[in-house]
Amino acid sequence: MPADGLVSQMRRGALEYCVLALIRETPRYAFELIEALGRTGMLTTEGTLYPLLSRLRRDGLVKTDWRESTDGPPRRYYELTTEGRRALTAFKNEWTSFRGAVDGILQEGKKP
């Protein structure tokens, strides 16, 4: 598998949890999420983000509300539900362990 395909797969696997983390403290609307993800290198587009946000909402991990905007039409803001917080915490715990295991294996001369 080419490296760009591998990176794309890794991003897809972590993207929903990155979105949950971005709205952990402050509700955000979709364009804010796209900008924040872009700044971190987790590049994404509207075509990727909107279906993901819809799925997160259907799964009960986020809730939404419409808010007026001074710059145009109302915006849909996303925020974590209690279940979303649980899912994010579980992912963080697993990610830390997984990342440590992979880092240990990838370091030269280090035995798992």
PDB file of N, CA and C in Angstrom:
ATOM      1  N   MET A   1       0.851  -1.183   0.000  1.00  0.00           N
ATOM      2  CA  MET A   1       0.000   0.000   0.000  1.00  0.00           C
ATOM      3  C   MET A   1       0.893   1.242   0.000  1.00  0.00           C
ATOM      4  N   PRO A   2       0.641   2.167  -0.913  1.00  0.00           N
ATOM      5  CA  PRO A   2       1.420   3.409  -0.930  1.00  0.00           C
ATOM      6  C   PRO A   2       1.230   4.184   0.382  1.00  0.00           C
ATOM      7  N   ALA A   3       2.252   4.955   0.732  1.00  0.00           N
ATOM      8  CA  ALA A   3       2.225   5.697   2.004  1.00  0.00           C
ATOM      9  C   ALA A   3       1.029   6.634   2.091  1.00  0.00           C
ATOM     10  N   ASP A   4       0.646   7.300   0.984  1.00  0.00           N
ATOM     11  CA  ASP A   4      -0.476   8.231   1.061  1.00  0.00           C
ATOM     12  C   ASP A   4      -1.787   7.503   1.363  1.00  0.00           C
ATOM     13  N   GLY A   5      -1.953   6.284   0.859  1.00  0.00           N
ATOM     14  CA  GLY A   5      -3.129   5.487   1.175  1.00  0.00           C
ATOM     15  C   GLY A   5      -3.146   5.067   2.630  1.00  0.00           C
ATOM     16  N   LEU A   6      -1.989   4.752   3.156  1.00  0.00           N
ATOM     17  CA  LEU A   6      -1.870   4.353   4.554  1.00  0.00           C
ATOM     18  C   LEU A   6      -2.235   5.523   5.465  1.00  0.00           C
ATOM     19  N   VAL A   7      -1.707   6.683   5.165  1.00  0.00           N
ATOM     20  CA  VAL A   7      -2.005   7.878   5.970  1.00  0.00           C
ATOM     21  C   VAL A   7      -3.497   8.187   5.897  1.00  0.00           C
ATOM     22  N   SER A   8      -4.069   8.044   4.721  1.00  0.00           N
ATOM     23  CA  SER A   8      -5.496   8.290   4.548  1.00  0.00           C
ATOM     24  C   SER A   8      -6.321   7.334   5.415  1.00  0.00           C
ATOM     25  N   GLN A   9      -5.936   6.070   5.451  1.00  0.00           N
ATOM     26  CA  GLN A   9      -6.629   5.097   6.290  1.00  0.00           C
ATOM     27  C   GLN A   9      -6.508   5.444   7.770  1.00  0.00           C
ATOM     28  N   MET A  10      -5.325   5.842   8.196  1.00  0.00           N
ATOM     29  CA  MET A  10      -5.133   6.206   9.602  1.00  0.00           C
ATOM     30  C   MET A  10      -5.982   7.419   9.963  1.00  0.00           C
ATOM     31  N   ARG A  11      -6.018   8.406   9.076  1.00  0.00           N
ATOM     32  CA  ARG A  11      -6.833   9.602   9.337  1.00  0.00           C
ATOM     33  C   ARG A  11      -8.301   9.234   9.470  1.00  0.00           C
ATOM     34  N   ARG A  12      -8.795   8.416   8.536  1.00  0.00           N
ATOM     35  CA  ARG A  12     -10.201   8.016   8.575  1.00  0.00           C
ATOM     36  C   ARG A  12     -10.541   7.333   9.896  1.00  0.00           C
ATOM     37  N   GLY A  13      -9.637   6.489  10.372  1.00  0.00           N
ATOM     38  CA  GLY A  13      -9.895   5.772  11.613  1.00  0.00           C
ATOM     39  C   GLY A  13      -9.957   6.672  12.833  1.00  0.00           C
ATOM     40  N   ALA A  14      -9.223   7.760  12.815  1.00  0.00           N
ATOM     41  CA  ALA A  14      -9.147   8.641  13.983  1.00  0.00           C
ATOM     42  C   ALA A  14     -10.011   9.896  13.853  1.00  0.00           C
ATOM     43  N   LEU A  15     -10.511  10.169  12.653  1.00  0.00           N
ATOM     44  CA  LEU A  15     -11.187  11.439  12.396  1.00  0.00           C
ATOM     45  C   LEU A  15     -12.379  11.681  13.318  1.00  0.00           C
ATOM     46  N   GLU A  16     -13.234  10.689  13.497  1.00  0.00           N
ATOM     47  CA  GLU A  16     -14.425  10.947  14.303  1.00  0.00           C
ATOM     48  C   GLU A  16     -14.052  11.298  15.739  1.00  0.00           C
ATOM     49  N   TYR A  17     -12.997  10.701  16.260  1.00  0.00           N
ATOM     50  CA  TYR A  17     -12.588  11.005  17.637  1.00  0.00           C
ATOM     51  C   TYR A  17     -11.909  12.364  17.715  1.00  0.00           C
ATOM     52  N   CYS A  18     -11.242  12.770  16.650  1.00  0.00           N
ATOM     53  CA  CYS A  18     -10.675  14.122  16.610  1.00  0.00           C
ATOM     54  C   CYS A  18     -11.803  15.149  16.614  1.00  0.00           C
ATOM     55  N   VAL A  19     -12.864  14.876  15.876  1.00  0.00           N
ATOM     56  CA  VAL A  19     -14.029  15.773  15.867  1.00  0.00           C
ATOM     57  C   VAL A  19     -14.638  15.834  17.263  1.00  0.00           C
ATOM     58  N   LEU A  20     -14.813  14.683  17.892  1.00  0.00           N
ATOM     59  CA  LEU A  20     -15.366  14.679  19.257  1.00  0.00           C
ATOM     60  C   LEU A  20     -14.483  15.486  20.203  1.00  0.00           C
ATOM     61  N   ALA A  21     -13.168  15.343  20.066  1.00  0.00           N
ATOM     62  CA  ALA A  21     -12.250  16.091  20.934  1.00  0.00           C
ATOM     63  C   ALA A  21     -12.344  17.592  20.687  1.00  0.00           C
ATOM     64  N   LEU A  22     -12.542  17.986  19.430  1.00  0.00           N
ATOM     65  CA  LEU A  22     -12.627  19.412  19.112  1.00  0.00           C
ATOM     66  C   LEU A  22     -13.877  20.069  19.687  1.00  0.00           C
ATOM     67  N   ILE A  23     -14.922  19.290  19.921  1.00  0.00           N
ATOM     68  CA  ILE A  23     -16.143  19.881  20.478  1.00  0.00           C
ATOM     69  C   ILE A  23     -16.332  19.509  21.950  1.00  0.00           C
ATOM     70  N   ARG A  24     -15.310  18.929  22.531  1.00  0.00           N
ATOM     71  CA  ARG A  24     -15.384  18.495  23.934  1.00  0.00           C
ATOM     72  C   ARG A  24     -15.721  19.657  24.860  1.00  0.00           C
ATOM     73  N   GLU A  25     -15.072  20.785  24.690  1.00  0.00           N
ATOM     74  CA  GLU A  25     -15.267  21.919  25.597  1.00  0.00           C
ATOM     75  C   GLU A  25     -16.187  23.000  25.030  1.00  0.00           C
ATOM     76  N   THR A  26     -16.147  23.161  23.712  1.00  0.00           N
ATOM     77  CA  THR A  26     -16.892  24.251  23.089  1.00  0.00           C
ATOM     78  C   THR A  26     -17.639  23.754  21.860  1.00  0.00           C
ATOM     79  N   PRO A  27     -18.950  23.954  21.811  1.00  0.00           N
ATOM     80  CA  PRO A  27     -19.678  23.580  20.594  1.00  0.00           C
ATOM     81  C   PRO A  27     -19.127  24.352  19.396  1.00  0.00           C
ATOM     82  N   ARG A  28     -19.109  23.712  18.233  1.00  0.00           N
ATOM     83  CA  ARG A  28     -18.607  24.338  17.009  1.00  0.00           C
ATOM     84  C   ARG A  28     -19.514  23.995  15.847  1.00  0.00           C
ATOM     85  N   TYR A  29     -19.465  24.829  14.820  1.00  0.00           N
ATOM     86  CA  TYR A  29     -20.196  24.510  13.596  1.00  0.00           C
ATOM     87  C   TYR A  29     -19.212  23.904  12.597  1.00  0.00           C
ATOM     88  N   ALA A  30     -19.751  23.300  11.551  1.00  0.00           N
ATOM     89  CA  ALA A  30     -18.952  22.462  10.650  1.00  0.00           C
ATOM     90  C   ALA A  30     -17.739  23.179  10.063  1.00  0.00           C
ATOM     91  N   PHE A  31     -17.904  24.403   9.603  1.00  0.00           N
ATOM     92  CA  PHE A  31     -16.767  25.084   8.983  1.00  0.00           C
ATOM     93  C   PHE A  31     -15.644  25.315   9.992  1.00  0.00           C
ATOM     94  N   GLU A  32     -15.986  25.588  11.247  1.00  0.00           N
ATOM     95  CA  GLU A  32     -14.957  25.724  12.290  1.00  0.00           C
ATOM     96  C   GLU A  32     -14.199  24.414  12.461  1.00  0.00           C
ATOM     97  N   LEU A  33     -14.919  23.309  12.391  1.00  0.00           N
ATOM     98  CA  LEU A  33     -14.275  22.005  12.516  1.00  0.00           C
ATOM     99  C   LEU A  33     -13.336  21.738  11.347  1.00  0.00           C
ATOM    100  N   ILE A  34     -13.774  22.066  10.137  1.00  0.00           N
ATOM    101  CA  ILE A  34     -12.921  21.884   8.959  1.00  0.00           C
ATOM    102  C   ILE A  34     -11.647  22.707   9.096  1.00  0.00           C
ATOM    103  N   GLU A  35     -11.777  23.958   9.527  1.00  0.00           N
ATOM    104  CA  GLU A  35     -10.599  24.817   9.711  1.00  0.00           C
ATOM    105  C   GLU A  35      -9.663  24.243  10.780  1.00  0.00           C
ATOM    106  N   ALA A  36     -10.221  23.829  11.917  1.00  0.00           N
ATOM    107  CA  ALA A  36      -9.400  23.297  13.010  1.00  0.00           C
ATOM    108  C   ALA A  36      -8.690  22.019  12.575  1.00  0.00           C
ATOM    109  N   LEU A  37      -9.387  21.144  11.884  1.00  0.00           N
ATOM    110  CA  LEU A  37      -8.770  19.909  11.404  1.00  0.00           C
ATOM    111  C   LEU A  37      -7.671  20.210  10.389  1.00  0.00           C
ATOM    112  N   GLY A  38      -7.905  21.175   9.544  1.00  0.00           N
ATOM    113  CA  GLY A  38      -6.893  21.568   8.554  1.00  0.00           C
ATOM    114  C   GLY A  38      -5.634  22.102   9.213  1.00  0.00           C
ATOM    115  N   ARG A  39      -5.797  22.884  10.272  1.00  0.00           N
ATOM    116  CA  ARG A  39      -4.633  23.451  10.977  1.00  0.00           C
ATOM    117  C   ARG A  39      -3.791  22.369  11.640  1.00  0.00           C
ATOM    118  N   THR A  40      -4.394  21.248  11.994  1.00  0.00           N
ATOM    119  CA  THR A  40      -3.659  20.182  12.665  1.00  0.00           C
ATOM    120  C   THR A  40      -3.077  19.161  11.702  1.00  0.00           C
ATOM    121  N   GLY A  41      -3.385  19.294  10.419  1.00  0.00           N
ATOM    122  CA  GLY A  41      -2.903  18.321   9.441  1.00  0.00           C
ATOM    123  C   GLY A  41      -3.895  17.207   9.179  1.00  0.00           C
ATOM    124  N   MET A  42      -5.016  17.189   9.885  1.00  0.00           N
ATOM    125  CA  MET A  42      -6.074  16.203   9.638  1.00  0.00           C
ATOM    126  C   MET A  42      -6.996  16.772   8.570  1.00  0.00           C
ATOM    127  N   LEU A  43      -6.438  16.968   7.385  1.00  0.00           N
ATOM    128  CA  LEU A  43      -7.186  17.605   6.316  1.00  0.00           C
ATOM    129  C   LEU A  43      -8.482  16.866   6.037  1.00  0.00           C
ATOM    130  N   THR A  44      -9.540  17.610   5.865  1.00  0.00           N
ATOM    131  CA  THR A  44     -10.826  17.014   5.511  1.00  0.00           C
ATOM    132  C   THR A  44     -11.624  18.025   4.712  1.00  0.00           C
ATOM    133  N   THR A  45     -12.657  17.543   4.067  1.00  0.00           N
ATOM    134  CA  THR A  45     -13.514  18.396   3.252  1.00  0.00           C
ATOM    135  C   THR A  45     -14.938  18.308   3.775  1.00  0.00           C
ATOM    136  N   GLU A  46     -15.786  19.180   3.248  1.00  0.00           N
ATOM    137  CA  GLU A  46     -17.195  19.139   3.616  1.00  0.00           C
ATOM    138  C   GLU A  46     -17.791  17.781   3.259  1.00  0.00           C
ATOM    139  N   GLY A  47     -17.365  17.233   2.125  1.00  0.00           N
ATOM    140  CA  GLY A  47     -17.878  15.947   1.669  1.00  0.00           C
ATOM    141  C   GLY A  47     -17.537  14.802   2.606  1.00  0.00           C
ATOM    142  N   THR A  48     -16.505  14.961   3.396  1.00  0.00           N
ATOM    143  CA  THR A  48     -16.135  13.961   4.398  1.00  0.00           C
ATOM    144  C   THR A  48     -16.787  14.280   5.737  1.00  0.00           C
ATOM    145  N   LEU A  49     -16.787  15.557   6.097  1.00  0.00           N
ATOM    146  CA  LEU A  49     -17.216  15.935   7.442  1.00  0.00           C
ATOM    147  C   LEU A  49     -18.725  15.838   7.647  1.00  0.00           C
ATOM    148  N   TYR A  50     -19.519  16.324   6.701  1.00  0.00           N
ATOM    149  CA  TYR A  50     -20.967  16.338   6.918  1.00  0.00           C
ATOM    150  C   TYR A  50     -21.563  14.943   7.115  1.00  0.00           C
ATOM    151  N   PRO A  51     -21.176  13.953   6.315  1.00  0.00           N
ATOM    152  CA  PRO A  51     -21.698  12.599   6.600  1.00  0.00           C
ATOM    153  C   PRO A  51     -21.236  12.073   7.964  1.00  0.00           C
ATOM    154  N   LEU A  52     -20.013  12.397   8.343  1.00  0.00           N
ATOM    155  CA  LEU A  52     -19.502  11.973   9.652  1.00  0.00           C
ATOM    156  C   LEU A  52     -20.321  12.613  10.771  1.00  0.00           C
ATOM    157  N   LEU A  53     -20.582  13.922  10.665  1.00  0.00           N
ATOM    158  CA  LEU A  53     -21.378  14.606  11.683  1.00  0.00           C
ATOM    159  C   LEU A  53     -22.790  14.039  11.759  1.00  0.00           C
ATOM    160  N   SER A  54     -23.364  13.715  10.612  1.00  0.00           N
ATOM    161  CA  SER A  54     -24.707  13.113  10.597  1.00  0.00           C
ATOM    162  C   SER A  54     -24.698  11.764  11.311  1.00  0.00           C
ATOM    163  N   ARG A  55     -23.682  10.964  11.059  1.00  0.00           N
ATOM    164  CA  ARG A  55     -23.588   9.659  11.708  1.00  0.00           C
ATOM    165  C   ARG A  55     -23.395   9.810  13.218  1.00  0.00           C
ATOM    166  N   LEU A  56     -22.529  10.757  13.626  1.00  0.00           N
ATOM    167  CA  LEU A  56     -22.318  10.989  15.054  1.00  0.00           C
ATOM    168  C   LEU A  56     -23.616  11.404  15.739  1.00  0.00           C
ATOM    169  N   ARG A  57     -24.410  12.182  15.042  1.00  0.00           N
ATOM    170  CA  ARG A  57     -25.700  12.619  15.593  1.00  0.00           C
ATOM    171  C   ARG A  57     -26.673  11.445  15.681  1.00  0.00           C
ATOM    172  N   ARG A  58     -26.746  10.657  14.612  1.00  0.00           N
ATOM    173  CA  ARG A  58     -27.622   9.470  14.618  1.00  0.00           C
ATOM    174  C   ARG A  58     -27.226   8.489  15.719  1.00  0.00           C
ATOM    175  N   ASP A  59     -25.915   8.378  15.959  1.00  0.00           N
ATOM    176  CA  ASP A  59     -25.412   7.447  16.977  1.00  0.00           C
ATOM    177  C   ASP A  59     -25.531   7.998  18.394  1.00  0.00           C
ATOM    178  N   GLY A  60     -26.003   9.240  18.519  1.00  0.00           N
ATOM    179  CA  GLY A  60     -26.201   9.831  19.842  1.00  0.00           C
ATOM    180  C   GLY A  60     -24.935  10.341  20.508  1.00  0.00           C
ATOM    181  N   LEU A  61     -23.863  10.521  19.724  1.00  0.00           N
ATOM    182  CA  LEU A  61     -22.602  11.005  20.300  1.00  0.00           C
ATOM    183  C   LEU A  61     -22.521  12.527  20.323  1.00  0.00           C
ATOM    184  N   VAL A  62     -23.280  13.170  19.443  1.00  0.00           N
ATOM    185  CA  VAL A  62     -23.347  14.630  19.441  1.00  0.00           C
ATOM    186  C   VAL A  62     -24.812  15.054  19.363  1.00  0.00           C
ATOM    187  N   LYS A  63     -25.069  16.248  19.840  1.00  0.00           N
ATOM    188  CA  LYS A  63     -26.378  16.862  19.663  1.00  0.00           C
ATOM    189  C   LYS A  63     -26.151  18.198  18.971  1.00  0.00           C
ATOM    190  N   THR A  64     -27.188  18.720  18.375  1.00  0.00           N
ATOM    191  CA  THR A  64     -27.031  19.952  17.613  1.00  0.00           C
ATOM    192  C   THR A  64     -28.090  20.970  18.006  1.00  0.00           C
ATOM    193  N   ASP A  65     -27.765  22.207  17.735  1.00  0.00           N
ATOM    194  CA  ASP A  65     -28.767  23.259  17.821  1.00  0.00           C
ATOM    195  C   ASP A  65     -28.391  24.353  16.830  1.00  0.00           C
ATOM    196  N   TRP A  66     -29.408  25.023  16.352  1.00  0.00           N
ATOM    197  CA  TRP A  66     -29.209  26.108  15.386  1.00  0.00           C
ATOM    198  C   TRP A  66     -29.040  27.411  16.145  1.00  0.00           C
ATOM    199  N   ARG A  67     -28.048  28.209  15.701  1.00  0.00           N
ATOM    200  CA  ARG A  67     -27.798  29.508  16.324  1.00  0.00           C
ATOM    201  C   ARG A  67     -27.713  30.564  15.236  1.00  0.00           C
ATOM    202  N   GLU A  68     -28.232  31.710  15.559  1.00  0.00           N
ATOM    203  CA  GLU A  68     -28.149  32.833  14.628  1.00  0.00           C
ATOM    204  C   GLU A  68     -26.694  33.240  14.426  1.00  0.00           C
ATOM    205  N   SER A  69     -26.402  33.743  13.248  1.00  0.00           N
ATOM    206  CA  SER A  69     -25.056  34.204  12.927  1.00  0.00           C
ATOM    207  C   SER A  69     -25.120  35.654  12.487  1.00  0.00           C
ATOM    208  N   THR A  70     -24.138  36.434  12.877  1.00  0.00           N
ATOM    209  CA  THR A  70     -24.074  37.823  12.427  1.00  0.00           C
ATOM    210  C   THR A  70     -23.547  37.904  10.998  1.00  0.00           C
ATOM    211  N   ASP A  71     -22.936  36.801  10.515  1.00  0.00           N
ATOM    212  CA  ASP A  71     -22.315  36.785   9.188  1.00  0.00           C
ATOM    213  C   ASP A  71     -23.145  36.094   8.119  1.00  0.00           C
ATOM    214  N   GLY A  72     -24.376  35.738   8.390  1.00  0.00           N
ATOM    215  CA  GLY A  72     -25.166  35.041   7.386  1.00  0.00           C
ATOM    216  C   GLY A  72     -26.279  34.239   8.019  1.00  0.00           C
ATOM    217  N   PRO A  73     -26.614  33.142   7.374  1.00  0.00           N
ATOM    218  CA  PRO A  73     -27.727  32.325   7.884  1.00  0.00           C
ATOM    219  C   PRO A  73     -27.375  31.644   9.200  1.00  0.00           C
ATOM    220  N   PRO A  74     -28.392  31.114   9.889  1.00  0.00           N
ATOM    221  CA  PRO A  74     -28.120  30.388  11.135  1.00  0.00           C
ATOM    222  C   PRO A  74     -27.178  29.210  10.876  1.00  0.00           C
ATOM    223  N   ARG A  75     -26.448  28.837  11.912  1.00  0.00           N
ATOM    224  CA  ARG A  75     -25.481  27.742  11.808  1.00  0.00           C
ATOM    225  C   ARG A  75     -25.862  26.625  12.772  1.00  0.00           C
ATOM    226  N   ARG A  76     -25.595  25.397  12.333  1.00  0.00           N
ATOM    227  CA  ARG A  76     -25.826  24.241  13.197  1.00  0.00           C
ATOM    228  C   ARG A  76     -24.559  23.995  14.005  1.00  0.00           C
ATOM    229  N   TYR A  77     -24.699  24.076  15.320  1.00  0.00           N
ATOM    230  CA  TYR A  77     -23.575  23.822  16.219  1.00  0.00           C
ATOM    231  C   TYR A  77     -23.669  22.402  16.762  1.00  0.00           C
ATOM    232  N   TYR A  78     -22.515  21.781  16.908  1.00  0.00           N
ATOM    233  CA  TYR A  78     -22.416  20.406  17.395  1.00  0.00           C
ATOM    234  C   TYR A  78     -21.757  20.416  18.763  1.00  0.00           C
ATOM    235  N   GLU A  79     -22.303  19.627  19.679  1.00  0.00           N
ATOM    236  CA  GLU A  79     -21.673  19.474  20.987  1.00  0.00           C
ATOM    237  C   GLU A  79     -21.820  18.024  21.454  1.00  0.00           C
ATOM    238  N   LEU A  80     -20.931  17.631  22.350  1.00  0.00           N
ATOM    239  CA  LEU A  80     -20.921  16.251  22.824  1.00  0.00           C
ATOM    240  C   LEU A  80     -22.109  15.955  23.722  1.00  0.00           C
ATOM    241  N   THR A  81     -22.601  14.739  23.606  1.00  0.00           N
ATOM    242  CA  THR A  81     -23.573  14.219  24.556  1.00  0.00           C
ATOM    243  C   THR A  81     -22.792  13.456  25.628  1.00  0.00           C
ATOM    244  N   THR A  82     -23.490  12.982  26.624  1.00  0.00           N
ATOM    245  CA  THR A  82     -22.848  12.165  27.650  1.00  0.00           C
ATOM    246  C   THR A  82     -22.236  10.918  27.007  1.00  0.00           C
ATOM    247  N   GLU A  83     -22.974  10.311  26.085  1.00  0.00           N
ATOM    248  CA  GLU A  83     -22.457   9.127  25.389  1.00  0.00           C
ATOM    249  C   GLU A  83     -21.235   9.481  24.546  1.00  0.00           C
ATOM    250  N   GLY A  84     -21.218  10.659  23.952  1.00  0.00           N
ATOM    251  CA  GLY A  84     -20.061  11.117  23.180  1.00  0.00           C
ATOM    252  C   GLY A  84     -18.835  11.287  24.066  1.00  0.00           C
ATOM    253  N   ARG A  85     -19.036  11.800  25.256  1.00  0.00           N
ATOM    254  CA  ARG A  85     -17.921  11.942  26.214  1.00  0.00           C
ATOM    255  C   ARG A  85     -17.373  10.572  26.607  1.00  0.00           C
ATOM    256  N   ARG A  86     -18.267   9.627  26.826  1.00  0.00           N
ATOM    257  CA  ARG A  86     -17.820   8.266  27.161  1.00  0.00           C
ATOM    258  C   ARG A  86     -17.012   7.663  26.018  1.00  0.00           C
ATOM    259  N   ALA A  87     -17.506   7.827  24.792  1.00  0.00           N
ATOM    260  CA  ALA A  87     -16.812   7.268  23.626  1.00  0.00           C
ATOM    261  C   ALA A  87     -15.431   7.899  23.467  1.00  0.00           C
ATOM    262  N   LEU A  88     -15.334   9.208  23.667  1.00  0.00           N
ATOM    263  CA  LEU A  88     -14.056   9.897  23.545  1.00  0.00           C
ATOM    264  C   LEU A  88     -13.082   9.431  24.625  1.00  0.00           C
ATOM    265  N   THR A  89     -13.560   9.277  25.844  1.00  0.00           N
ATOM    266  CA  THR A  89     -12.703   8.798  26.929  1.00  0.00           C
ATOM    267  C   THR A  89     -12.200   7.387  26.635  1.00  0.00           C
ATOM    268  N   ALA A  90     -13.086   6.526  26.166  1.00  0.00           N
ATOM    269  CA  ALA A  90     -12.686   5.150  25.837  1.00  0.00           C
ATOM    270  C   ALA A  90     -11.644   5.151  24.721  1.00  0.00           C
ATOM    271  N   PHE A  91     -11.851   5.987  23.698  1.00  0.00           N
ATOM    272  CA  PHE A  91     -10.886   6.059  22.602  1.00  0.00           C
ATOM    273  C   PHE A  91      -9.535   6.544  23.110  1.00  0.00           C
ATOM    274  N   LYS A  92      -9.539   7.589  23.938  1.00  0.00           N
ATOM    275  CA  LYS A  92      -8.274   8.131  24.459  1.00  0.00           C
ATOM    276  C   LYS A  92      -7.504   7.068  25.220  1.00  0.00           C
ATOM    277  N   ASN A  93      -8.200   6.278  26.030  1.00  0.00           N
ATOM    278  CA  ASN A  93      -7.534   5.223  26.786  1.00  0.00           C
ATOM    279  C   ASN A  93      -6.934   4.176  25.854  1.00  0.00           C
ATOM    280  N   GLU A  94      -7.703   3.746  24.876  1.00  0.00           N
ATOM    281  CA  GLU A  94      -7.218   2.742  23.928  1.00  0.00           C
ATOM    282  C   GLU A  94      -6.103   3.310  23.051  1.00  0.00           C
ATOM    283  N   TRP A  95      -6.260   4.556  22.634  1.00  0.00           N
ATOM    284  CA  TRP A  95      -5.273   5.181  21.752  1.00  0.00           C
ATOM    285  C   TRP A  95      -3.914   5.261  22.438  1.00  0.00           C
ATOM    286  N   THR A  96      -3.895   5.662  23.689  1.00  0.00           N
ATOM    287  CA  THR A  96      -2.640   5.782  24.431  1.00  0.00           C
ATOM    288  C   THR A  96      -1.922   4.438  24.486  1.00  0.00           C
ATOM    289  N   SER A  97      -2.664   3.397  24.771  1.00  0.00           N
ATOM    290  CA  SER A  97      -2.082   2.065  24.836  1.00  0.00           C
ATOM    291  C   SER A  97      -1.620   1.609  23.450  1.00  0.00           C
ATOM    292  N   PHE A  98      -2.448   1.804  22.446  1.00  0.00           N
ATOM    293  CA  PHE A  98      -2.126   1.404  21.075  1.00  0.00           C
ATOM    294  C   PHE A  98      -0.900   2.156  20.560  1.00  0.00           C
ATOM    295  N   ARG A  99      -0.905   3.465  20.768  1.00  0.00           N
ATOM    296  CA  ARG A  99       0.219   4.290  20.314  1.00  0.00           C
ATOM    297  C   ARG A  99       1.519   3.849  20.980  1.00  0.00           C
ATOM    298  N   GLY A 100       1.462   3.568  22.268  1.00  0.00           N
ATOM    299  CA  GLY A 100       2.649   3.106  22.980  1.00  0.00           C
ATOM    300  C   GLY A 100       3.162   1.785  22.440  1.00  0.00           C
ATOM    301  N   ALA A 101       2.253   0.876  22.136  1.00  0.00           N
ATOM    302  CA  ALA A 101       2.655  -0.421  21.591  1.00  0.00           C
ATOM    303  C   ALA A 101       3.305  -0.253  20.219  1.00  0.00           C
ATOM    304  N   VAL A 102       2.693   0.537  19.356  1.00  0.00           N
ATOM    305  CA  VAL A 102       3.251   0.757  18.019  1.00  0.00           C
ATOM    306  C   VAL A 102       4.595   1.467  18.114  1.00  0.00           C
ATOM    307  N   ASP A 103       4.689   2.506  18.929  1.00  0.00           N
ATOM    308  CA  ASP A 103       5.960   3.224  19.085  1.00  0.00           C
ATOM    309  C   ASP A 103       7.058   2.284  19.574  1.00  0.00           C
ATOM    310  N   GLY A 104       6.715   1.408  20.509  1.00  0.00           N
ATOM    311  CA  GLY A 104       7.703   0.464  21.031  1.00  0.00           C
ATOM    312  C   GLY A 104       8.202  -0.480  19.957  1.00  0.00           C
ATOM    313  N   ILE A 105       7.299  -0.940  19.106  1.00  0.00           N
ATOM    314  CA  ILE A 105       7.695  -1.860  18.035  1.00  0.00           C
ATOM    315  C   ILE A 105       8.512  -1.160  16.971  1.00  0.00           C
ATOM    316  N   LEU A 106       8.147   0.085  16.662  1.00  0.00           N
ATOM    317  CA  LEU A 106       8.828   0.816  15.584  1.00  0.00           C
ATOM    318  C   LEU A 106      10.230   1.292  15.956  1.00  0.00           C
ATOM    319  N   GLN A 107      10.490   1.468  17.237  1.00  0.00           N
ATOM    320  CA  GLN A 107      11.812   1.918  17.656  1.00  0.00           C
ATOM    321  C   GLN A 107      12.814   0.790  17.445  1.00  0.00           C
ATOM    322  N   GLU A 108      13.892   1.119  16.795  1.00  0.00           N
ATOM    323  CA  GLU A 108      14.905   0.099  16.500  1.00  0.00           C
ATOM    324  C   GLU A 108      15.454  -0.518  17.783  1.00  0.00           C
ATOM    325  N   GLY A 109      15.593  -1.833  17.732  1.00  0.00           N
ATOM    326  CA  GLY A 109      16.196  -2.544  18.847  1.00  0.00           C
ATOM    327  C   GLY A 109      15.300  -2.723  20.058  1.00  0.00           C
ATOM    328  N   LYS A 110      14.098  -2.223  19.994  1.00  0.00           N
ATOM    329  CA  LYS A 110      13.191  -2.336  21.138  1.00  0.00           C
ATOM    330  C   LYS A 110      12.314  -3.560  20.957  1.00  0.00           C
ATOM    331  N   LYS A 111      12.270  -4.405  21.942  1.00  0.00           N
ATOM    332  CA  LYS A 111      11.452  -5.607  21.858  1.00  0.00           C
ATOM    333  C   LYS A 111      10.095  -5.330  22.494  1.00  0.00           C
ATOM    334  N   PRO A 112       9.008  -5.844  21.870  1.00  0.00           N
ATOM    335  CA  PRO A 112       7.657  -5.640  22.453  1.00  0.00           C
ATOM    336  C   PRO A 112       7.475  -6.434  23.719  1.00  0.00           C
TER     337      PRO A 112
END
